[in-house]
Amino acid sequence: MTAVIALVAGLLFGSGLLVCGMTDPANVLAFLDVGGQWSPSLPLTMAAAIAVALPAYAYARRTGRSLRGITIEVADRPHIDGALLWGSSLFGIGWGLTGVCPGPALVLVSTGTPNAVTFAVAYVIGVYAVDSLSVRGASSRRCGTASATAFF
């Protein structure tokens, strides 16, 4: 049953990205082009996603359980460290250069777009590299950050 729920959630997420146009790098890059043809589609999409996710997140944070009753540990990282700054900088630079982040890239992989496939392969290699090189691997996974084993 968990696999079916994950499949439906993934299809819903991917469909939402397609409908909102977030799989088109030009839309993301238009948001970043504040001096030119700026487009508000990205922040509007983010606001809609937050509005949908916020009640479930608030419930999980309050109860320590998912909507299905599974015990979860919600990450609570009040401090900003070098790893967070380094990782978010790399993510932001890559996103700004390509207009693609991991969610839309995985949707684009299903279309066979060569750039998306290259992005996804590099992403998987990067996740595995960070996971295997991380001295804090076990504590990072416990705090809710991505790891290769959790992602796939």
Protein backbone atom coordinates (compact mmCIF):
# COMPACT_ATOMS: atom_id res chain seq x y z
CA MET A 1 0.00 0.00 0.00
CA THR A 2 2.87 2.38 0.76
CA ALA A 3 4.22 1.94 -2.78
CA VAL A 4 0.82 2.79 -4.26
CA ILE A 5 0.54 5.93 -2.13
CA ALA A 6 4.10 6.93 -3.11
CA LEU A 7 3.29 6.36 -6.79
CA VAL A 8 0.11 8.43 -6.62
CA ALA A 9 1.89 11.22 -4.72
CA GLY A 10 4.72 11.22 -7.25
CA LEU A 11 2.31 11.32 -10.19
CA LEU A 12 0.37 14.15 -8.55
CA PHE A 13 3.59 16.09 -7.86
CA GLY A 14 4.88 15.57 -11.41
CA SER A 15 1.53 16.52 -12.90
CA GLY A 16 1.48 19.68 -10.82
CA LEU A 17 4.95 20.62 -12.07
CA LEU A 18 3.82 20.05 -15.65
CA VAL A 19 0.57 22.01 -15.27
CA CYS A 20 2.36 24.93 -13.60
CA GLY A 21 5.05 24.97 -16.28
CA MET A 22 7.88 24.38 -13.81
CA THR A 23 9.43 21.69 -16.02
CA ASP A 24 10.24 24.43 -18.55
CA PRO A 25 13.60 25.95 -17.54
CA ALA A 26 12.60 29.19 -19.30
CA ASN A 27 9.88 29.77 -16.66
CA VAL A 28 12.34 29.38 -13.80
CA LEU A 29 14.94 31.56 -15.49
CA ALA A 30 12.23 34.20 -16.15
CA PHE A 31 11.64 34.40 -12.39
CA LEU A 32 15.36 35.01 -11.84
CA ASP A 33 15.44 37.71 -14.54
CA VAL A 34 14.38 40.61 -12.29
CA GLY A 35 15.80 43.21 -14.69
CA GLY A 36 14.10 41.84 -17.78
CA GLN A 37 10.96 39.84 -18.45
CA TRP A 38 10.27 38.82 -14.85
CA SER A 39 7.61 36.14 -14.30
CA PRO A 40 5.84 35.51 -10.97
CA SER A 41 4.88 31.92 -11.88
CA LEU A 42 7.54 30.29 -9.69
CA PRO A 43 6.70 32.06 -6.40
CA LEU A 44 2.99 31.53 -7.05
CA THR A 45 3.62 27.82 -7.58
CA MET A 46 5.69 27.69 -4.39
CA ALA A 47 2.98 29.49 -2.43
CA ALA A 48 0.35 27.00 -3.65
CA ALA A 49 2.61 24.06 -2.72
CA ILE A 50 3.23 25.49 0.75
CA ALA A 51 -0.51 26.02 1.29
CA VAL A 52 -1.16 22.37 0.42
CA ALA A 53 1.71 20.94 2.52
CA LEU A 54 1.48 23.20 5.57
CA PRO A 55 -1.44 21.49 7.35
CA ALA A 56 0.17 18.03 7.05
CA TYR A 57 3.56 19.38 8.12
CA ALA A 58 2.01 21.15 11.13
CA TYR A 59 0.24 17.94 12.11
CA ALA A 60 3.46 15.91 11.81
CA ARG A 61 5.42 18.46 13.81
CA ARG A 62 2.78 18.54 16.56
CA THR A 63 2.20 14.79 16.83
CA GLY A 64 5.47 13.24 15.62
CA ARG A 65 3.41 11.07 13.25
CA SER A 66 2.53 11.20 9.58
CA LEU A 67 -1.08 11.34 8.41
CA ARG A 68 -0.86 7.55 8.02
CA GLY A 69 0.22 7.18 11.67
CA ILE A 70 3.87 6.39 10.97
CA THR A 71 6.27 7.75 13.60
CA ILE A 72 8.59 10.36 12.11
CA GLU A 73 11.34 12.59 13.39
CA VAL A 74 10.95 16.13 12.12
CA ALA A 75 14.27 17.83 11.45
CA ASP A 76 14.98 20.71 13.79
CA ARG A 77 18.13 22.53 12.74
CA PRO A 78 18.07 26.05 14.14
CA HIS A 79 21.70 26.77 13.29
CA ILE A 80 23.31 27.54 9.95
CA ASP A 81 26.57 25.69 9.37
CA GLY A 82 29.13 25.46 6.58
CA ALA A 83 27.60 22.34 5.07
CA LEU A 84 24.22 24.06 4.74
CA LEU A 85 25.77 27.18 3.18
CA TRP A 86 27.94 25.14 0.81
CA GLY A 87 25.12 22.84 -0.27
CA SER A 88 22.55 25.58 -0.73
CA SER A 89 25.06 27.66 -2.71
CA LEU A 90 25.79 24.78 -5.06
CA PHE A 91 22.08 24.08 -5.46
CA GLY A 92 21.32 27.75 -6.16
CA ILE A 93 24.13 28.14 -8.67
CA GLY A 94 23.10 25.00 -10.54
CA TRP A 95 19.45 25.99 -10.48
CA GLY A 96 20.23 29.51 -11.70
CA LEU A 97 22.44 28.27 -14.54
CA THR A 98 20.12 25.54 -15.78
CA GLY A 99 16.64 26.57 -14.60
CA VAL A 100 16.10 23.00 -13.41
CA CYS A 101 16.00 21.54 -9.91
CA PRO A 102 15.71 17.85 -8.96
CA GLY A 103 11.89 17.52 -9.00
CA PRO A 104 11.33 18.91 -12.50
CA ALA A 105 14.49 17.19 -13.74
CA LEU A 106 13.08 13.81 -12.77
CA VAL A 107 9.83 14.66 -14.56
CA LEU A 108 11.85 15.68 -17.63
CA VAL A 109 13.82 12.41 -17.50
CA SER A 110 10.58 10.62 -18.32
CA THR A 111 10.50 12.55 -21.62
CA GLY A 112 14.03 11.42 -22.50
CA THR A 113 15.35 14.97 -22.80
CA PRO A 114 19.15 14.56 -23.04
CA ASN A 115 19.95 17.51 -20.75
CA ALA A 116 17.54 16.18 -18.11
CA VAL A 117 19.07 12.71 -18.28
CA THR A 118 22.55 14.22 -17.90
CA PHE A 119 21.32 16.31 -14.95
CA ALA A 120 19.72 13.28 -13.28
CA VAL A 121 22.83 11.13 -13.70
CA ALA A 122 25.03 13.91 -12.27
CA TYR A 123 22.53 14.38 -9.43
CA VAL A 124 22.59 10.69 -8.50
CA ILE A 125 26.40 10.61 -8.65
CA GLY A 126 26.55 13.73 -6.48
CA VAL A 127 24.13 12.34 -3.89
CA TYR A 128 26.08 9.09 -3.63
CA ALA A 129 29.41 10.96 -3.49
CA VAL A 130 28.28 13.24 -0.67
CA ASP A 131 26.68 10.34 1.17
CA SER A 132 29.82 8.20 0.97
CA LEU A 133 32.23 11.05 1.79
CA SER A 134 30.20 12.49 4.62
CA VAL A 135 31.70 11.95 8.05
CA ARG A 136 28.30 12.83 9.50
CA GLY A 137 26.38 10.44 7.22
CA ALA A 138 24.39 8.72 9.94
CA SER A 139 23.49 11.91 11.79
CA SER A 140 22.58 13.69 8.53
CA ARG A 141 20.06 11.00 7.66
CA ARG A 142 18.66 11.11 11.17
CA CYS A 143 18.15 14.89 10.82
CA GLY A 144 16.12 14.42 7.66
CA THR A 145 18.57 15.49 4.96
CA ALA A 146 18.71 13.67 1.66
CA SER A 147 20.81 10.60 1.27
CA ALA A 148 21.20 8.24 -1.63
CA THR A 149 19.61 5.37 0.23
CA ALA A 150 16.64 7.46 1.34
CA PHE A 151 16.06 8.90 -2.11
CA PHE A 152 16.09 5.66 -4.10
